[in-house]
Protein backbone atom coordinates (compact mmCIF):
# COMPACT_ATOMS: atom_id res chain seq x y z
CA MET A 1 9.85 -19.96 -11.35
CA ALA A 2 6.73 -19.49 -9.30
CA LEU A 3 7.09 -19.41 -5.56
CA GLY A 4 4.82 -20.65 -2.83
CA ARG A 5 2.54 -23.67 -2.65
CA ARG A 6 -0.30 -24.84 -4.85
CA PHE A 7 -3.56 -25.53 -3.04
CA LEU A 8 -4.33 -29.21 -3.44
CA GLY A 9 -7.36 -29.31 -1.20
CA THR A 10 -7.82 -32.24 1.16
CA VAL A 11 -6.77 -35.85 0.72
CA PRO A 12 -9.85 -37.92 -0.27
CA LYS A 13 -11.45 -39.69 2.68
CA LEU A 14 -13.63 -42.78 2.77
CA THR A 15 -17.23 -41.84 3.40
CA ARG A 16 -20.62 -43.42 2.92
CA ARG A 17 -20.83 -41.83 -0.53
CA PRO A 18 -20.83 -44.18 -3.56
CA TRP A 19 -17.41 -45.53 -4.57
CA GLU A 20 -17.56 -43.68 -7.88
CA ASP A 21 -17.57 -40.36 -5.96
CA ILE A 22 -14.44 -41.41 -4.08
CA GLY A 23 -12.81 -42.33 -7.37
CA GLN A 24 -13.60 -38.91 -8.81
CA GLN A 25 -12.12 -37.18 -5.76
CA LEU A 26 -8.94 -39.23 -6.05
CA GLU A 27 -8.66 -38.46 -9.75
CA ASP A 28 -9.00 -34.72 -9.11
CA PHE A 29 -6.41 -34.87 -6.34
CA LEU A 30 -3.88 -36.71 -8.52
CA ARG A 31 -4.45 -34.25 -11.36
CA LYS A 32 -3.66 -31.29 -9.08
CA LEU A 33 -0.57 -33.07 -7.78
CA TRP A 34 0.61 -33.74 -11.34
CA ASP A 35 0.01 -30.09 -12.32
CA ALA A 36 2.00 -28.90 -9.32
CA GLN A 37 4.96 -31.08 -10.24
CA SER A 38 4.77 -30.01 -13.90
CA ASP A 39 4.83 -26.32 -12.94
CA GLY A 40 7.70 -26.81 -10.51
CA ILE A 41 5.56 -25.56 -7.63
CA PRO A 42 5.97 -27.40 -4.30
CA SER A 43 2.71 -29.06 -3.37
CA GLY A 44 1.22 -28.80 0.09
CA PHE A 45 -1.89 -28.39 2.18
CA ASN A 46 -1.11 -25.27 4.20
CA GLU A 47 -2.20 -21.68 3.50
CA VAL A 48 1.13 -20.36 2.21
CA LEU A 49 0.32 -18.22 -0.82
CA PRO A 50 2.60 -17.69 -3.81
CA THR A 51 4.28 -14.35 -4.42
CA ASP A 52 4.96 -14.77 -8.13
CA VAL A 53 3.05 -16.51 -10.89
CA VAL A 54 5.21 -16.69 -13.99
CA ALA A 55 3.53 -16.63 -17.37
CA PRO A 56 4.72 -19.29 -19.88
CA THR A 57 7.78 -18.58 -22.02
CA GLY A 58 6.74 -16.49 -24.98
CA THR A 59 3.86 -14.82 -23.17
CA GLY A 60 3.64 -11.16 -24.06
CA LEU A 61 1.86 -8.16 -22.63
CA GLY A 62 -1.85 -8.63 -23.21
CA ASP A 63 -1.72 -12.42 -23.01
CA PRO A 64 -3.49 -14.28 -20.18
CA GLY A 65 -1.70 -15.24 -16.99
CA THR A 66 -1.22 -18.78 -15.71
CA GLU A 67 -3.55 -19.18 -12.73
CA ASN A 68 -6.95 -17.79 -11.79
CA GLN A 69 -8.03 -19.97 -8.88
CA GLY A 70 -7.01 -20.37 -5.27
CA TRP A 71 -4.94 -17.21 -4.77
CA ALA A 72 -6.10 -13.86 -3.42
CA ALA A 73 -5.38 -10.89 -5.67
CA ALA A 74 -3.08 -9.08 -3.25
CA ASP A 75 -0.96 -12.13 -2.51
CA HIS A 76 0.70 -12.63 -5.87
CA GLN A 77 1.80 -11.05 -9.12
CA HIS A 78 1.74 -12.27 -12.70
CA VAL A 79 5.11 -11.62 -14.33
CA ALA A 80 5.19 -11.21 -18.11
CA PRO A 81 8.54 -12.36 -19.59
CA THR A 82 8.57 -9.37 -21.98
CA GLY A 83 8.25 -6.58 -19.43
CA MET A 84 7.70 -5.45 -15.89
CA PRO A 85 4.14 -5.72 -14.55
CA ILE A 86 2.13 -2.58 -13.80
CA PRO A 87 1.19 -2.06 -10.12
CA VAL A 88 -2.54 -2.17 -9.37
CA GLY A 89 -3.24 -1.20 -5.77
CA VAL A 90 -5.94 -2.84 -3.67
CA GLY A 91 -7.03 -2.08 -0.15
CA LEU A 92 -7.50 -5.57 1.30
CA ALA A 93 -6.19 -9.03 0.46
CA GLU A 94 -9.72 -10.34 -0.10
CA GLN A 95 -10.47 -7.76 -2.76
CA GLU A 96 -9.90 -8.20 -6.46
CA GLY A 97 -7.84 -5.68 -8.40
CA THR A 98 -9.06 -2.27 -9.48
CA GLU A 99 -8.42 -2.42 -13.23
CA PRO A 100 -10.37 -5.10 -15.14
CA SER A 101 -9.01 -4.09 -18.56
CA LEU A 102 -5.50 -5.37 -17.84
CA ALA A 103 -4.62 -8.97 -18.67
CA ARG A 104 -3.24 -11.05 -15.79
CA SER A 105 0.29 -11.08 -17.20
CA ASP A 106 0.35 -7.28 -17.49
CA HIS A 107 0.04 -6.26 -13.87
CA ARG A 108 0.51 -7.12 -10.23
CA HIS A 109 -1.77 -6.53 -7.26
CA GLU A 110 -0.24 -4.59 -4.39
CA LEU A 111 -1.67 -4.52 -0.90
CA VAL A 112 -1.68 -0.81 -0.05
CA VAL A 113 -1.82 0.17 3.63
CA TRP A 114 -2.29 3.88 4.25
CA ARG A 115 -0.87 5.45 7.42
CA ARG A 116 -0.70 9.01 8.69
CA VAL A 117 1.69 11.25 10.58
CA GLY A 118 0.21 14.53 11.73
CA LEU A 119 -0.35 17.16 14.37
CA THR A 120 -3.19 19.29 15.75
CA MET A 121 -2.28 22.94 16.36
CA ASP A 122 -4.74 24.45 18.84
CA GLY A 123 -4.73 28.12 19.81
CA GLY A 124 -7.59 27.75 22.24
CA LEU A 125 -9.97 30.63 21.60
CA ALA A 126 -7.27 32.68 19.89
CA VAL A 127 -5.61 32.47 16.50
CA VAL A 128 -2.89 29.82 16.47
CA THR A 129 0.54 31.34 17.02
CA THR A 130 3.39 30.84 14.58
CA GLY A 131 6.55 28.89 15.39
CA VAL A 132 7.31 25.31 16.39
CA LYS A 133 4.05 23.49 17.11
CA GLY A 134 5.27 20.03 18.07
CA TYR A 135 7.12 16.82 17.21
CA VAL A 136 5.87 13.35 16.27
CA ALA A 137 7.91 10.11 15.99
CA ALA A 138 6.92 7.82 13.11
CA PRO A 139 5.84 4.29 14.19
CA PHE A 140 6.13 2.73 10.70
CA ASN A 141 8.16 2.59 7.49
CA GLY A 142 6.67 4.11 4.37
CA THR A 143 6.60 6.82 1.72
CA ILE A 144 4.74 10.13 2.01
CA ASP A 145 2.26 10.56 -0.83
CA SER A 146 0.25 13.69 0.02
CA TRP A 147 -0.79 16.11 2.74
CA GLU A 148 -4.08 17.46 4.13
CA LEU A 149 -4.72 20.72 5.99
CA GLU A 150 -7.90 21.51 7.93
CA SER A 151 -8.93 24.70 9.73
CA ASP A 152 -11.84 25.30 12.09
CA LEU A 153 -12.47 28.70 10.50
CA VAL A 154 -11.94 30.19 7.06
CA GLY A 155 -8.30 31.20 7.11
CA SER A 156 -4.88 30.93 5.55
CA CYS A 157 -1.64 29.33 6.71
CA VAL A 158 1.69 27.89 5.61
CA VAL A 159 3.25 24.95 7.47
CA ASP A 160 6.82 23.69 7.17
CA VAL A 161 7.66 20.03 7.88
CA TRP A 162 11.02 18.96 9.29
CA LYS A 163 12.40 15.43 9.62
CA ALA A 164 15.48 13.93 11.28
CA ARG A 165 16.63 10.98 13.38
CA ARG A 166 16.80 13.38 16.34
CA THR A 167 14.81 16.49 17.23
CA PRO A 168 14.66 18.25 13.83
CA ARG A 169 15.49 21.89 13.12
CA VAL A 170 14.70 24.33 10.32
CA THR A 171 17.69 23.03 8.36
CA ASP A 172 15.92 19.61 8.28
CA SER A 173 12.95 20.90 6.26
CA ILE A 174 11.77 18.37 3.65
CA CYS A 175 9.21 20.56 1.85
CA GLY A 176 11.47 22.57 -0.42
CA VAL A 177 9.37 25.35 -1.91
CA ASP A 178 6.20 23.21 -1.81
CA LYS A 179 5.02 23.68 1.78
CA PRO A 180 1.48 22.68 2.84
CA THR A 181 -0.56 25.83 2.27
CA LEU A 182 -4.15 26.88 2.97
CA VAL A 183 -5.52 29.97 1.21
CA SER A 184 -8.77 31.55 2.47
CA GLY A 185 -10.51 28.26 3.16
CA THR A 186 -11.13 25.51 5.68
CA SER A 187 -9.31 22.65 3.92
CA ALA A 188 -6.60 21.99 1.37
CA THR A 189 -4.74 18.99 -0.02
CA GLY A 190 -1.62 18.54 -2.10
CA LEU A 191 0.93 16.09 -3.42
CA VAL A 192 4.56 16.01 -2.33
CA THR A 193 6.18 15.97 -5.77
CA GLY A 194 8.35 18.96 -4.87
CA TRP A 195 9.53 17.62 -1.52
CA THR A 196 13.20 16.80 -1.06
CA ASP A 197 12.55 13.70 1.08
CA THR A 198 9.37 11.59 1.26
CA SER A 199 10.71 8.43 2.94
CA ILE A 200 9.71 7.38 6.45
CA GLU A 201 11.57 5.00 8.76
CA ILE A 202 10.48 3.89 12.20
CA GLY A 203 11.91 6.39 14.68
CA ASP A 204 12.05 9.36 12.30
CA VAL A 205 11.02 12.51 14.16
CA PHE A 206 8.82 15.01 12.35
CA GLY A 207 8.69 18.63 13.41
CA PHE A 208 5.89 21.00 12.41
CA TYR A 209 6.59 24.74 12.11
CA LEU A 210 3.79 27.21 11.41
CA ASP A 211 5.28 29.87 9.13
CA SER A 212 2.17 32.05 8.92
CA VAL A 213 -1.51 31.99 9.85
CA THR A 214 -4.62 34.17 9.72
CA ASP A 215 -7.96 33.65 11.52
CA SER A 216 -7.62 29.88 12.27
CA THR A 217 -7.82 28.87 15.93
CA VAL A 218 -7.38 25.14 15.24
CA LEU A 219 -5.28 23.64 12.44
CA ILE A 220 -4.72 19.97 11.62
CA LEU A 221 -1.96 18.79 9.29
CA ARG A 222 -1.84 15.16 8.15
CA LEU A 223 0.85 13.49 6.03
CA ASN A 224 -0.60 10.51 4.13
CA ALA A 225 1.88 7.70 3.55
CA ARG A 226 1.98 4.23 1.99
CA GLU A 227 3.32 1.77 4.56
CA THR A 228 6.13 -0.51 3.37
């Protein structure tokens, strides 16, 4: 059953408008109240938004959802009885979804907040030295999605990432054989499909170890993560 509250608007108030306008307002208000009771949704006047909007029994994938007014896209999901909805990410609650070809009962809108954990490795006027370059504690919960490497000069490097609930060591590497790598360039990006651990919890400590480097005097590694 759907959760949250249905927006009923404001209770009609006596004004200097003609009585027939007041009657129309009252009729609209009572209709919304009746709809709320019929759907089993608690009525109210606050700004609590629903999390689920359940399609009617028998609704299949491709059929319309049940509500298209009053709720922001990222604040709810339409659940089809015949299957799980498909995630459609949006950046802000005020935005609509990103895929107009999907029916409302086929998908849900997720509010995606991107965060980063990273480190700048600066060799001054010299090429950055290899070895441990620093540690960063994560201030959020999330899942690592990708990485970015930047160099001030055309160069090459390989960076290993460690993670632990204490100061990490080489045995805490999470990259497997898929370490962030830059080859004769100034930037590179990659996914973390080969990593052994992509989860982040508040307080996790990341260590950054520069395996190899040529020519670069400044390197920046960023881990892009979806906050949860």
